[in-house]
Amino acid sequence: MPFAFQHDYTLSGLNTFGLPCVAQRYGEILSASQLTGLVRRGALADAPPLILGGGSNLLLPETLAATVLHIRIPGHALVGSDDDHHFVRAGAGENWHDFVRWTLEMGWPGLENLSLIPGTVGAAPVQNIGAYGLEIKDRFFALEAVDLRNGTIVTLDAADCRFAYRDSLFKHEGAGRFVITAVTFRLPKRWTPLTRYGELARELGARGLIDPSPLQVSDAVCAIRRRKLPDPARLGNAGSFFKNPVVSPAQFEMLRARFPEMPAYLQDDGRHKLAAGWLIEQAGWRGRSLGPVGMYEGQALVMVNQGGATRRDVEALADSVQRSVRERFDVTLEMEPVRP
């Protein structure tokens, strides 16, 4: 059956913030070959399409004059192993959390700290998602993507992807060029739990788990996230709304002198990562609203749609929060969600 786009398609139910949006043209992609066919027929020649996964990191406008490609490519399998690792491949359309739990149930640990992060497998490398001391780059092996310039399928390794904190090639030169269709992860056979992150260590301690299993670590992460983050099905949100800022040693020393209780995490390059949620709370925004949006009472880092919000409402609150944090701490917060 030939591929057919749908026109004037509503995306309100396809973004976790629940923002109203009507796209000019929409289509579901179920295989890499389907996408290469569209490119080679010139169906995407007018302008780069918006790539939609789980819709968990998007701030959509009310009208989107673009082609939206909803990546729904399924499948997951063990594709190889060596003395030290299992290699597990998943289609870009797979639900991220379901994939993580499947790897654990199959006895291939390594992704448990990233449990319950919303979104799809294909979106994970774009954002280099991370939580509780682990990032995608730490378990990444390679990915497959379609090059929209010519329809070829390319394989990119970790160096090609240029991973950084919540960043990758796909937010820069690769944006609008590559569409991820599958990702392969390298998972350790000699697994040890990553529990140095304070909140996770406390949760495991409260459960009496000194030597937790991978599934127990995952369960603990899920419990923490469910306490802190609202369910998008009940209260629209895009998860953590701002990136944790990273500051120079000199700026950190000045901040620590003024705010000795400020949480911070030393990075490999000598800089310090600050807790954006703490900064926002100290600036007086936790539980506070501006119109139909507000910073969540349970976690100041999360912005929520309390009903009827548009992107303009979200941006107005984001600007106010950024200004308050900058005035109090001389630190600039950067938004995580993408604004097409």
C-alpha atoms as a PDB file:
ATOM      1  CA  MET A   1       0.000   0.000   0.000  1.00  0.00           C
ATOM      2  CA  PRO A   2       1.557   3.358  -0.995  1.00  0.00           C
ATOM      3  CA  PHE A   3       2.518   5.783   1.743  1.00  0.00           C
ATOM      4  CA  ALA A   4      -0.074   8.516   2.321  1.00  0.00           C
ATOM      5  CA  PHE A   5       0.288  11.676   4.414  1.00  0.00           C
ATOM      6  CA  GLN A   6      -2.562  13.050   6.505  1.00  0.00           C
ATOM      7  CA  HIS A   7      -3.199  16.790   6.331  1.00  0.00           C
ATOM      8  CA  ASP A   8      -4.166  19.286   9.059  1.00  0.00           C
ATOM      9  CA  TYR A   9      -3.439  16.630  11.651  1.00  0.00           C
ATOM     10  CA  THR A  10      -3.838  17.420  15.344  1.00  0.00           C
ATOM     11  CA  LEU A  11      -0.837  16.649  17.549  1.00  0.00           C
ATOM     12  CA  SER A  12      -2.470  17.605  20.852  1.00  0.00           C
ATOM     13  CA  GLY A  13      -2.531  13.979  21.996  1.00  0.00           C
ATOM     14  CA  LEU A  14       0.974  13.262  20.719  1.00  0.00           C
ATOM     15  CA  ASN A  15       2.914  15.641  22.982  1.00  0.00           C
ATOM     16  CA  THR A  16       3.148  15.063  26.720  1.00  0.00           C
ATOM     17  CA  PHE A  17       2.727  18.754  27.524  1.00  0.00           C
ATOM     18  CA  GLY A  18      -0.741  18.538  25.963  1.00  0.00           C
ATOM     19  CA  LEU A  19      -0.257  21.710  23.933  1.00  0.00           C
ATOM     20  CA  PRO A  20      -2.670  22.352  21.053  1.00  0.00           C
ATOM     21  CA  CYS A  21      -1.064  21.931  17.642  1.00  0.00           C
ATOM     22  CA  VAL A  22      -2.247  21.250  14.095  1.00  0.00           C
ATOM     23  CA  ALA A  23       0.405  20.017  11.652  1.00  0.00           C
ATOM     24  CA  GLN A  24       0.218  20.753   7.955  1.00  0.00           C
ATOM     25  CA  ARG A  25       1.230  17.177   7.041  1.00  0.00           C
ATOM     26  CA  TYR A  26       1.684  14.032   9.137  1.00  0.00           C
ATOM     27  CA  GLY A  27       2.824  10.474   8.494  1.00  0.00           C
ATOM     28  CA  GLU A  28       3.828   7.401  10.504  1.00  0.00           C
ATOM     29  CA  ILE A  29       7.156   5.737   9.709  1.00  0.00           C
ATOM     30  CA  LEU A  30       7.188   1.997  10.463  1.00  0.00           C
ATOM     31  CA  SER A  31      10.477   1.024   8.776  1.00  0.00           C
ATOM     32  CA  ALA A  32      13.723   2.527   7.572  1.00  0.00           C
ATOM     33  CA  SER A  33      12.936   1.478   4.007  1.00  0.00           C
ATOM     34  CA  GLN A  34       9.679   3.435   4.132  1.00  0.00           C
ATOM     35  CA  LEU A  35      11.669   6.555   5.030  1.00  0.00           C
ATOM     36  CA  THR A  36      14.333   6.017   2.377  1.00  0.00           C
ATOM     37  CA  GLY A  37      11.557   5.641  -0.182  1.00  0.00           C
ATOM     38  CA  LEU A  38      10.063   8.999   0.771  1.00  0.00           C
ATOM     39  CA  VAL A  39      13.450  10.699   0.443  1.00  0.00           C
ATOM     40  CA  ARG A  40      14.211   9.163  -2.933  1.00  0.00           C
ATOM     41  CA  ARG A  41      10.800  10.157  -4.285  1.00  0.00           C
ATOM     42  CA  GLY A  42      11.438  13.752  -3.216  1.00  0.00           C
ATOM     43  CA  ALA A  43       8.495  13.765  -0.812  1.00  0.00           C
ATOM     44  CA  LEU A  44      10.583  15.567   1.834  1.00  0.00           C
ATOM     45  CA  ALA A  45      12.466  17.931  -0.459  1.00  0.00           C
ATOM     46  CA  ASP A  46      10.686  21.169   0.436  1.00  0.00           C
ATOM     47  CA  ALA A  47      11.945  21.496   4.044  1.00  0.00           C
ATOM     48  CA  PRO A  48      13.384  19.311   6.815  1.00  0.00           C
ATOM     49  CA  PRO A  49      10.562  17.410   8.554  1.00  0.00           C
ATOM     50  CA  LEU A  50       9.847  17.515  12.280  1.00  0.00           C
ATOM     51  CA  ILE A  51      10.748  14.134  13.738  1.00  0.00           C
ATOM     52  CA  LEU A  52       8.299  13.004  16.409  1.00  0.00           C
ATOM     53  CA  GLY A  53       8.964  10.196  18.866  1.00  0.00           C
ATOM     54  CA  GLY A  54       7.140  10.063  22.187  1.00  0.00           C
ATOM     55  CA  GLY A  55       6.484  13.817  22.148  1.00  0.00           C
ATOM     56  CA  SER A  56       7.992  14.182  25.618  1.00  0.00           C
ATOM     57  CA  ASN A  57      10.556  16.878  24.829  1.00  0.00           C
ATOM     58  CA  LEU A  58       8.587  19.233  22.592  1.00  0.00           C
ATOM     59  CA  LEU A  59       6.997  22.655  22.880  1.00  0.00           C
ATOM     60  CA  LEU A  60       4.667  22.771  19.893  1.00  0.00           C
ATOM     61  CA  PRO A  61       3.126  25.904  18.365  1.00  0.00           C
ATOM     62  CA  GLU A  62      -0.605  26.033  17.697  1.00  0.00           C
ATOM     63  CA  THR A  63       0.002  25.777  13.943  1.00  0.00           C
ATOM     64  CA  LEU A  64       2.934  23.854  12.494  1.00  0.00           C
ATOM     65  CA  ALA A  65       3.600  24.537   8.821  1.00  0.00           C
ATOM     66  CA  ALA A  66       5.762  21.459   8.409  1.00  0.00           C
ATOM     67  CA  THR A  67       5.767  17.775   7.648  1.00  0.00           C
ATOM     68  CA  VAL A  68       5.744  15.653  10.808  1.00  0.00           C
ATOM     69  CA  LEU A  69       7.227  12.163  10.649  1.00  0.00           C
ATOM     70  CA  HIS A  70       6.134  10.050  13.612  1.00  0.00           C
ATOM     71  CA  ILE A  71       8.817   7.383  14.061  1.00  0.00           C
ATOM     72  CA  ARG A  72       7.091   4.137  15.099  1.00  0.00           C
ATOM     73  CA  ILE A  73       9.746   1.589  14.020  1.00  0.00           C
ATOM     74  CA  PRO A  74       9.370  -1.466  16.327  1.00  0.00           C
ATOM     75  CA  GLY A  75      11.533  -4.366  17.435  1.00  0.00           C
ATOM     76  CA  HIS A  76      14.260  -5.341  19.886  1.00  0.00           C
ATOM     77  CA  ALA A  77      16.757  -8.210  19.968  1.00  0.00           C
ATOM     78  CA  LEU A  78      20.124  -9.425  21.222  1.00  0.00           C
ATOM     79  CA  VAL A  79      22.380  -9.033  18.178  1.00  0.00           C
ATOM     80  CA  GLY A  80      25.745 -10.146  19.553  1.00  0.00           C
ATOM     81  CA  SER A  81      28.061 -10.600  22.494  1.00  0.00           C
ATOM     82  CA  ASP A  82      31.728 -10.757  23.374  1.00  0.00           C
ATOM     83  CA  ASP A  83      33.653 -11.601  26.534  1.00  0.00           C
ATOM     84  CA  ASP A  84      32.564  -8.394  28.236  1.00  0.00           C
ATOM     85  CA  HIS A  85      29.294  -7.192  26.728  1.00  0.00           C
ATOM     86  CA  HIS A  86      25.854  -7.974  25.389  1.00  0.00           C
ATOM     87  CA  PHE A  87      24.861  -5.990  22.289  1.00  0.00           C
ATOM     88  CA  VAL A  88      21.159  -5.208  22.175  1.00  0.00           C
ATOM     89  CA  ARG A  89      19.430  -3.444  19.280  1.00  0.00           C
ATOM     90  CA  ALA A  90      16.060  -1.691  19.337  1.00  0.00           C
ATOM     91  CA  GLY A  91      13.904   0.056  16.766  1.00  0.00           C
ATOM     92  CA  ALA A  92      13.664   3.821  17.154  1.00  0.00           C
ATOM     93  CA  GLY A  93       9.920   3.674  17.828  1.00  0.00           C
ATOM     94  CA  GLU A  94      10.183   1.413  20.872  1.00  0.00           C
ATOM     95  CA  ASN A  95       9.019   2.921  24.165  1.00  0.00           C
ATOM     96  CA  TRP A  96      12.190   3.670  26.139  1.00  0.00           C
ATOM     97  CA  HIS A  97      11.065   2.468  29.572  1.00  0.00           C
ATOM     98  CA  ASP A  98       9.506  -0.716  28.185  1.00  0.00           C
ATOM     99  CA  PHE A  99      12.777  -1.443  26.395  1.00  0.00           C
ATOM    100  CA  VAL A 100      14.820  -0.875  29.567  1.00  0.00           C
ATOM    101  CA  ARG A 101      12.606  -3.234  31.575  1.00  0.00           C
ATOM    102  CA  TRP A 102      12.790  -5.854  28.818  1.00  0.00           C
ATOM    103  CA  THR A 103      16.610  -5.827  28.899  1.00  0.00           C
ATOM    104  CA  LEU A 104      16.532  -6.316  32.675  1.00  0.00           C
ATOM    105  CA  GLU A 105      14.009  -9.124  32.494  1.00  0.00           C
ATOM    106  CA  MET A 106      16.214 -10.839  29.887  1.00  0.00           C
ATOM    107  CA  GLY A 107      19.201 -10.631  32.254  1.00  0.00           C
ATOM    108  CA  TRP A 108      21.095  -7.881  30.397  1.00  0.00           C
ATOM    109  CA  PRO A 109      21.525  -5.061  32.937  1.00  0.00           C
ATOM    110  CA  GLY A 110      23.103  -1.663  32.434  1.00  0.00           C
ATOM    111  CA  LEU A 111      20.245   0.713  31.661  1.00  0.00           C
ATOM    112  CA  GLU A 112      18.380   0.461  34.991  1.00  0.00           C
ATOM    113  CA  ASN A 113      19.307   3.974  36.171  1.00  0.00           C
ATOM    114  CA  LEU A 114      17.491   5.347  33.118  1.00  0.00           C
ATOM    115  CA  SER A 115      14.181   3.673  33.965  1.00  0.00           C
ATOM    116  CA  LEU A 116      10.900   5.546  33.513  1.00  0.00           C
ATOM    117  CA  ILE A 117      12.378   8.327  31.373  1.00  0.00           C
ATOM    118  CA  PRO A 118       9.614   9.186  28.896  1.00  0.00           C
ATOM    119  CA  GLY A 119      10.139   8.954  25.167  1.00  0.00           C
ATOM    120  CA  THR A 120      11.364   6.496  22.580  1.00  0.00           C
ATOM    121  CA  VAL A 121      14.603   4.648  21.907  1.00  0.00           C
ATOM    122  CA  GLY A 122      15.307   6.800  18.847  1.00  0.00           C
ATOM    123  CA  ALA A 123      15.023  10.027  20.819  1.00  0.00           C
ATOM    124  CA  ALA A 124      17.384   8.886  23.588  1.00  0.00           C
ATOM    125  CA  PRO A 125      20.680   9.573  21.737  1.00  0.00           C
ATOM    126  CA  VAL A 126      19.468  12.958  20.463  1.00  0.00           C
ATOM    127  CA  GLN A 127      19.154  14.239  24.018  1.00  0.00           C
ATOM    128  CA  ASN A 128      21.869  11.960  25.436  1.00  0.00           C
ATOM    129  CA  ILE A 129      19.351  11.266  28.181  1.00  0.00           C
ATOM    130  CA  GLY A 130      20.722  10.757  31.656  1.00  0.00           C
ATOM    131  CA  ALA A 131      19.697  10.217  35.249  1.00  0.00           C
ATOM    132  CA  TYR A 132      21.148   9.071  38.577  1.00  0.00           C
ATOM    133  CA  GLY A 133      24.757   9.004  37.452  1.00  0.00           C
ATOM    134  CA  LEU A 134      24.307   7.413  34.009  1.00  0.00           C
ATOM    135  CA  GLU A 135      23.964   8.782  30.465  1.00  0.00           C
ATOM    136  CA  ILE A 136      23.141   7.091  27.181  1.00  0.00           C
ATOM    137  CA  LYS A 137      26.702   7.609  25.964  1.00  0.00           C
ATOM    138  CA  ASP A 138      27.927   5.284  28.736  1.00  0.00           C
ATOM    139  CA  ARG A 139      26.018   2.324  27.228  1.00  0.00           C
ATOM    140  CA  PHE A 140      25.893   3.330  23.573  1.00  0.00           C
ATOM    141  CA  PHE A 141      27.498   1.272  20.803  1.00  0.00           C
ATOM    142  CA  ALA A 142      26.110   2.522  17.471  1.00  0.00           C
ATOM    143  CA  LEU A 143      22.981   3.693  15.708  1.00  0.00           C
ATOM    144  CA  GLU A 144      21.478   3.504  12.262  1.00  0.00           C
ATOM    145  CA  ALA A 145      19.975   6.569  10.633  1.00  0.00           C
ATOM    146  CA  VAL A 146      18.600   7.674   7.312  1.00  0.00           C
ATOM    147  CA  ASP A 147      20.421  10.592   5.715  1.00  0.00           C
ATOM    148  CA  LEU A 148      17.666  12.864   4.405  1.00  0.00           C
ATOM    149  CA  ARG A 149      19.990  14.355   1.800  1.00  0.00           C
ATOM    150  CA  ASN A 150      20.078  11.175  -0.284  1.00  0.00           C
ATOM    151  CA  GLY A 151      18.073   8.431   1.453  1.00  0.00           C
ATOM    152  CA  THR A 152      21.055   6.275   2.381  1.00  0.00           C
ATOM    153  CA  ILE A 153      21.220   4.367   5.666  1.00  0.00           C
ATOM    154  CA  VAL A 154      24.335   5.214   7.687  1.00  0.00           C
ATOM    155  CA  THR A 155      25.837   3.759  10.859  1.00  0.00           C
ATOM    156  CA  LEU A 156      27.241   6.173  13.445  1.00  0.00           C
ATOM    157  CA  ASP A 157      29.368   5.274  16.468  1.00  0.00           C
ATOM    158  CA  ALA A 158      29.726   7.203  19.728  1.00  0.00           C
ATOM    159  CA  ALA A 159      32.474   9.465  18.380  1.00  0.00           C
ATOM    160  CA  ASP A 160      30.337  10.327  15.349  1.00  0.00           C
ATOM    161  CA  CYS A 161      27.413  11.256  17.619  1.00  0.00           C
ATOM    162  CA  ARG A 162      29.499  13.792  19.596  1.00  0.00           C
ATOM    163  CA  PHE A 163      27.697  13.237  22.874  1.00  0.00           C
ATOM    164  CA  ALA A 164      27.808  15.896  25.587  1.00  0.00           C
ATOM    165  CA  TYR A 165      25.582  16.832  28.510  1.00  0.00           C
ATOM    166  CA  ARG A 166      22.022  16.658  27.080  1.00  0.00           C
ATOM    167  CA  ASP A 167      23.554  17.215  23.683  1.00  0.00           C
ATOM    168  CA  SER A 168      24.646  15.425  20.534  1.00  0.00           C
ATOM    169  CA  LEU A 169      25.357  15.801  16.820  1.00  0.00           C
ATOM    170  CA  PHE A 170      21.597  15.602  16.203  1.00  0.00           C
ATOM    171  CA  LYS A 171      21.030  18.983  17.835  1.00  0.00           C
ATOM    172  CA  HIS A 172      23.632  20.675  15.634  1.00  0.00           C
ATOM    173  CA  GLU A 173      24.926  19.690  12.169  1.00  0.00           C
ATOM    174  CA  GLY A 174      22.836  16.526  12.216  1.00  0.00           C
ATOM    175  CA  ALA A 175      19.571  18.335  12.939  1.00  0.00           C
ATOM    176  CA  GLY A 176      17.299  18.050   9.930  1.00  0.00           C
ATOM    177  CA  ARG A 177      19.731  15.684   8.235  1.00  0.00           C
ATOM    178  CA  PHE A 178      19.654  12.357  10.089  1.00  0.00           C
ATOM    179  CA  VAL A 179      16.612  10.409  11.257  1.00  0.00           C
ATOM    180  CA  ILE A 180      17.520   7.662  13.748  1.00  0.00           C
ATOM    181  CA  THR A 181      15.912   4.332  12.900  1.00  0.00           C
ATOM    182  CA  ALA A 182      17.601   1.894  15.326  1.00  0.00           C
ATOM    183  CA  VAL A 183      20.051   1.993  18.250  1.00  0.00           C
ATOM    184  CA  THR A 184      22.432  -0.687  19.542  1.00  0.00           C
ATOM    185  CA  PHE A 185      23.553  -0.652  23.179  1.00  0.00           C
ATOM    186  CA  ARG A 186      26.619  -2.268  24.742  1.00  0.00           C
ATOM    187  CA  LEU A 187      25.617  -3.696  28.135  1.00  0.00           C
ATOM    188  CA  PRO A 188      28.198  -5.032  30.619  1.00  0.00           C
ATOM    189  CA  LYS A 189      28.318  -8.725  31.484  1.00  0.00           C
ATOM    190  CA  ARG A 190      30.180  -7.947  34.730  1.00  0.00           C
ATOM    191  CA  TRP A 191      27.578  -5.577  36.104  1.00  0.00           C
ATOM    192  CA  THR A 192      27.955  -3.459  39.214  1.00  0.00           C
ATOM    193  CA  PRO A 193      25.230  -1.099  40.459  1.00  0.00           C
ATOM    194  CA  LEU A 194      25.685   2.647  40.028  1.00  0.00           C
ATOM    195  CA  THR A 195      24.316   3.945  43.320  1.00  0.00           C
ATOM    196  CA  ARG A 196      26.580   6.875  44.143  1.00  0.00           C
ATOM    197  CA  TYR A 197      23.857   9.406  43.334  1.00  0.00           C
ATOM    198  CA  GLY A 198      22.602  10.533  46.754  1.00  0.00           C
ATOM    199  CA  GLU A 199      18.865  10.286  46.163  1.00  0.00           C
ATOM    200  CA  LEU A 200      19.128   6.794  44.727  1.00  0.00           C
ATOM    201  CA  ALA A 201      21.429   5.639  47.537  1.00  0.00           C
ATOM    202  CA  ARG A 202      18.927   6.890  50.113  1.00  0.00           C
ATOM    203  CA  GLU A 203      16.031   5.136  48.388  1.00  0.00           C
ATOM    204  CA  LEU A 204      17.909   1.832  48.284  1.00  0.00           C
ATOM    205  CA  GLY A 205      18.926   2.277  51.918  1.00  0.00           C
ATOM    206  CA  ALA A 206      15.316   2.890  52.922  1.00  0.00           C
ATOM    207  CA  ARG A 207      14.446  -0.393  51.222  1.00  0.00           C
ATOM    208  CA  GLY A 208      17.221  -2.205  53.103  1.00  0.00           C
ATOM    209  CA  LEU A 209      19.074  -3.024  49.877  1.00  0.00           C
ATOM    210  CA  ILE A 210      22.827  -3.093  50.407  1.00  0.00           C
ATOM    211  CA  ASP A 211      23.596  -5.195  47.328  1.00  0.00           C
ATOM    212  CA  PRO A 212      20.652  -4.507  44.983  1.00  0.00           C
ATOM    213  CA  SER A 213      19.852  -6.416  41.823  1.00  0.00           C
ATOM    214  CA  PRO A 214      19.404  -4.547  38.519  1.00  0.00           C
ATOM    215  CA  LEU A 215      15.627  -4.840  38.786  1.00  0.00           C
ATOM    216  CA  GLN A 216      15.735  -3.518  42.353  1.00  0.00           C
ATOM    217  CA  VAL A 217      17.734  -0.494  41.188  1.00  0.00           C
ATOM    218  CA  SER A 218      15.186   0.065  38.432  1.00  0.00           C
ATOM    219  CA  ASP A 219      12.302  -0.212  40.897  1.00  0.00           C
ATOM    220  CA  ALA A 220      13.970   2.323  43.186  1.00  0.00           C
ATOM    221  CA  VAL A 221      14.524   4.759  40.307  1.00  0.00           C
ATOM    222  CA  CYS A 222      10.887   4.372  39.258  1.00  0.00           C
ATOM    223  CA  ALA A 223       9.691   5.065  42.805  1.00  0.00           C
ATOM    224  CA  ILE A 224      11.764   8.260  43.017  1.00  0.00           C
ATOM    225  CA  ARG A 225      10.595   9.493  39.625  1.00  0.00           C
ATOM    226  CA  ARG A 226       6.937   8.780  40.391  1.00  0.00           C
ATOM    227  CA  ARG A 227       7.169  10.777  43.618  1.00  0.00           C
ATOM    228  CA  LYS A 228       8.837  13.726  41.931  1.00  0.00           C
ATOM    229  CA  LEU A 229       7.265  13.844  38.487  1.00  0.00           C
ATOM    230  CA  PRO A 230       3.595  14.104  37.581  1.00  0.00           C
ATOM    231  CA  ASP A 231       2.009  11.604  35.197  1.00  0.00           C
ATOM    232  CA  PRO A 232       1.607  13.408  31.826  1.00  0.00           C
ATOM    233  CA  ALA A 233      -1.718  11.619  31.375  1.00  0.00           C
ATOM    234  CA  ARG A 234      -3.045  13.588  34.355  1.00  0.00           C
ATOM    235  CA  LEU A 235      -0.978  16.768  34.300  1.00  0.00           C
ATOM    236  CA  GLY A 236       0.734  17.771  31.061  1.00  0.00           C
ATOM    237  CA  ASN A 237       4.497  18.228  31.304  1.00  0.00           C
ATOM    238  CA  ALA A 238       7.755  17.636  29.448  1.00  0.00           C
ATOM    239  CA  GLY A 239       9.713  16.249  32.389  1.00  0.00           C
ATOM    240  CA  SER A 240      12.709  18.280  33.514  1.00  0.00           C
ATOM    241  CA  PHE A 241      12.164  21.632  31.836  1.00  0.00           C
ATOM    242  CA  PHE A 242      15.609  23.182  32.346  1.00  0.00           C
ATOM    243  CA  LYS A 243      19.088  21.695  32.054  1.00  0.00           C
ATOM    244  CA  ASN A 244      21.237  21.561  35.160  1.00  0.00           C
ATOM    245  CA  PRO A 245      23.728  24.404  34.549  1.00  0.00           C
ATOM    246  CA  VAL A 246      27.459  23.667  34.581  1.00  0.00           C
ATOM    247  CA  VAL A 247      29.680  26.459  35.931  1.00  0.00           C
ATOM    248  CA  SER A 248      33.399  27.172  36.031  1.00  0.00           C
ATOM    249  CA  PRO A 249      35.471  26.501  39.178  1.00  0.00           C
ATOM    250  CA  ALA A 250      35.739  30.245  39.837  1.00  0.00           C
ATOM    251  CA  GLN A 251      31.998  30.813  39.549  1.00  0.00           C
ATOM    252  CA  PHE A 252      31.314  27.779  41.714  1.00  0.00           C
ATOM    253  CA  GLU A 253      33.563  29.084  44.489  1.00  0.00           C
ATOM    254  CA  MET A 254      31.762  32.440  44.462  1.00  0.00           C
ATOM    255  CA  LEU A 255      28.369  30.745  44.590  1.00  0.00           C
ATOM    256  CA  ARG A 256      29.404  28.304  47.322  1.00  0.00           C
ATOM    257  CA  ALA A 257      30.660  31.225  49.442  1.00  0.00           C
ATOM    258  CA  ARG A 258      27.232  32.867  49.212  1.00  0.00           C
ATOM    259  CA  PHE A 259      25.145  29.682  49.323  1.00  0.00           C
ATOM    260  CA  PRO A 260      27.070  26.984  51.252  1.00  0.00           C
ATOM    261  CA  GLU A 261      24.051  24.656  51.211  1.00  0.00           C
ATOM    262  CA  MET A 262      23.830  24.698  47.399  1.00  0.00           C
ATOM    263  CA  PRO A 263      24.025  21.162  45.939  1.00  0.00           C
ATOM    264  CA  ALA A 264      26.654  20.687  43.246  1.00  0.00           C
ATOM    265  CA  TYR A 265      28.342  17.799  41.433  1.00  0.00           C
ATOM    266  CA  LEU A 266      31.983  17.889  40.394  1.00  0.00           C
ATOM    267  CA  GLN A 267      32.528  17.074  36.699  1.00  0.00           C
ATOM    268  CA  ASP A 268      35.512  15.367  35.102  1.00  0.00           C
ATOM    269  CA  ASP A 269      36.736  18.678  33.645  1.00  0.00           C
ATOM    270  CA  GLY A 270      36.789  20.426  37.031  1.00  0.00           C
ATOM    271  CA  ARG A 271      33.556  22.328  36.541  1.00  0.00           C
ATOM    272  CA  HIS A 272      30.492  21.834  38.747  1.00  0.00           C
ATOM    273  CA  LYS A 273      26.968  20.884  37.739  1.00  0.00           C
ATOM    274  CA  LEU A 274      24.327  22.730  39.761  1.00  0.00           C
ATOM    275  CA  ALA A 275      20.831  21.470  40.556  1.00  0.00           C
ATOM    276  CA  ALA A 276      18.458  23.582  38.465  1.00  0.00           C
ATOM    277  CA  GLY A 277      15.497  22.507  40.588  1.00  0.00           C
ATOM    278  CA  TRP A 278      17.163  23.853  43.728  1.00  0.00           C
ATOM    279  CA  LEU A 279      17.959  27.165  42.021  1.00  0.00           C
ATOM    280  CA  ILE A 280      14.353  27.511  40.844  1.00  0.00           C
ATOM    281  CA  GLU A 281      12.982  26.675  44.286  1.00  0.00           C
ATOM    282  CA  GLN A 282      15.306  29.178  45.970  1.00  0.00           C
ATOM    283  CA  ALA A 283      14.145  31.806  43.481  1.00  0.00           C
ATOM    284  CA  GLY A 284      10.598  31.284  44.754  1.00  0.00           C
ATOM    285  CA  TRP A 285       9.000  29.406  41.866  1.00  0.00           C
ATOM    286  CA  ARG A 286       8.235  25.977  43.328  1.00  0.00           C
ATOM    287  CA  GLY A 287       4.456  25.503  43.261  1.00  0.00           C
ATOM    288  CA  ARG A 288       3.943  28.946  41.729  1.00  0.00           C
ATOM    289  CA  SER A 289       1.898  29.578  38.582  1.00  0.00           C
ATOM    290  CA  LEU A 290       1.722  32.137  35.830  1.00  0.00           C
ATOM    291  CA  GLY A 291      -1.558  31.804  33.971  1.00  0.00           C
ATOM    292  CA  PRO A 292      -2.370  28.184  33.059  1.00  0.00           C
ATOM    293  CA  VAL A 293       1.187  26.894  33.657  1.00  0.00           C
ATOM    294  CA  GLY A 294       3.249  26.530  36.803  1.00  0.00           C
ATOM    295  CA  MET A 295       6.337  24.969  38.352  1.00  0.00           C
ATOM    296  CA  TYR A 296       5.293  21.684  39.939  1.00  0.00           C
ATOM    297  CA  GLU A 297       4.884  21.628  43.717  1.00  0.00           C
ATOM    298  CA  GLY A 298       6.568  18.221  43.942  1.00  0.00           C
ATOM    299  CA  GLN A 299       9.618  19.205  41.873  1.00  0.00           C
ATOM    300  CA  ALA A 300      10.451  22.781  40.946  1.00  0.00           C
ATOM    301  CA  LEU A 301      12.334  21.668  37.831  1.00  0.00           C
ATOM    302  CA  VAL A 302       9.116  20.466  36.172  1.00  0.00           C
ATOM    303  CA  MET A 303       6.724  22.859  34.436  1.00  0.00           C
ATOM    304  CA  VAL A 304       3.108  21.673  34.232  1.00  0.00           C
ATOM    305  CA  ASN A 305       0.135  22.493  32.049  1.00  0.00           C
ATOM    306  CA  GLN A 306      -2.729  23.089  34.449  1.00  0.00           C
ATOM    307  CA  GLY A 307      -5.226  23.216  31.612  1.00  0.00           C
ATOM    308  CA  GLY A 308      -5.559  25.071  28.332  1.00  0.00           C
ATOM    309  CA  ALA A 309      -1.966  26.261  28.020  1.00  0.00           C
ATOM    310  CA  THR A 310      -0.330  27.210  24.730  1.00  0.00           C
ATOM    311  CA  ARG A 311       3.346  27.492  23.873  1.00  0.00           C
ATOM    312  CA  ARG A 312       3.176  31.245  24.461  1.00  0.00           C
ATOM    313  CA  ASP A 313       2.085  30.586  28.061  1.00  0.00           C
ATOM    314  CA  VAL A 314       4.954  28.148  28.563  1.00  0.00           C
ATOM    315  CA  GLU A 315       7.520  30.553  27.146  1.00  0.00           C
ATOM    316  CA  ALA A 316       6.250  33.404  29.330  1.00  0.00           C
ATOM    317  CA  LEU A 317       6.733  31.362  32.503  1.00  0.00           C
ATOM    318  CA  ALA A 318      10.107  30.058  31.320  1.00  0.00           C
ATOM    319  CA  ASP A 319      11.312  33.627  30.732  1.00  0.00           C
ATOM    320  CA  SER A 320      10.167  34.672  34.229  1.00  0.00           C
ATOM    321  CA  VAL A 321      11.888  31.732  35.914  1.00  0.00           C
ATOM    322  CA  GLN A 322      15.116  32.304  33.977  1.00  0.00           C
ATOM    323  CA  ARG A 323      15.110  35.977  34.904  1.00  0.00           C
ATOM    324  CA  SER A 324      14.560  35.241  38.614  1.00  0.00           C
ATOM    325  CA  VAL A 325      17.378  32.675  38.742  1.00  0.00           C
ATOM    326  CA  ARG A 326      19.744  34.963  36.837  1.00  0.00           C
ATOM    327  CA  GLU A 327      19.033  37.877  39.182  1.00  0.00           C
ATOM    328  CA  ARG A 328      19.573  35.788  42.327  1.00  0.00           C
ATOM    329  CA  PHE A 329      22.480  33.564  41.296  1.00  0.00           C
ATOM    330  CA  ASP A 330      23.939  35.083  38.104  1.00  0.00           C
ATOM    331  CA  VAL A 331      23.326  31.686  36.478  1.00  0.00           C
ATOM    332  CA  THR A 332      21.525  31.247  33.164  1.00  0.00           C
ATOM    333  CA  LEU A 333      19.121  28.321  32.817  1.00  0.00           C
ATOM    334  CA  GLU A 334      18.703  26.682  29.420  1.00  0.00           C
ATOM    335  CA  MET A 335      15.444  25.027  28.411  1.00  0.00           C
ATOM    336  CA  GLU A 336      15.553  21.318  27.539  1.00  0.00           C
ATOM    337  CA  PRO A 337      12.466  20.963  25.286  1.00  0.00           C
ATOM    338  CA  VAL A 338      12.775  21.539  21.556  1.00  0.00           C
ATOM    339  CA  ARG A 339      10.760  24.392  20.013  1.00  0.00           C
ATOM    340  CA  PRO A 340      10.022  23.688  16.328  1.00  0.00           C
END
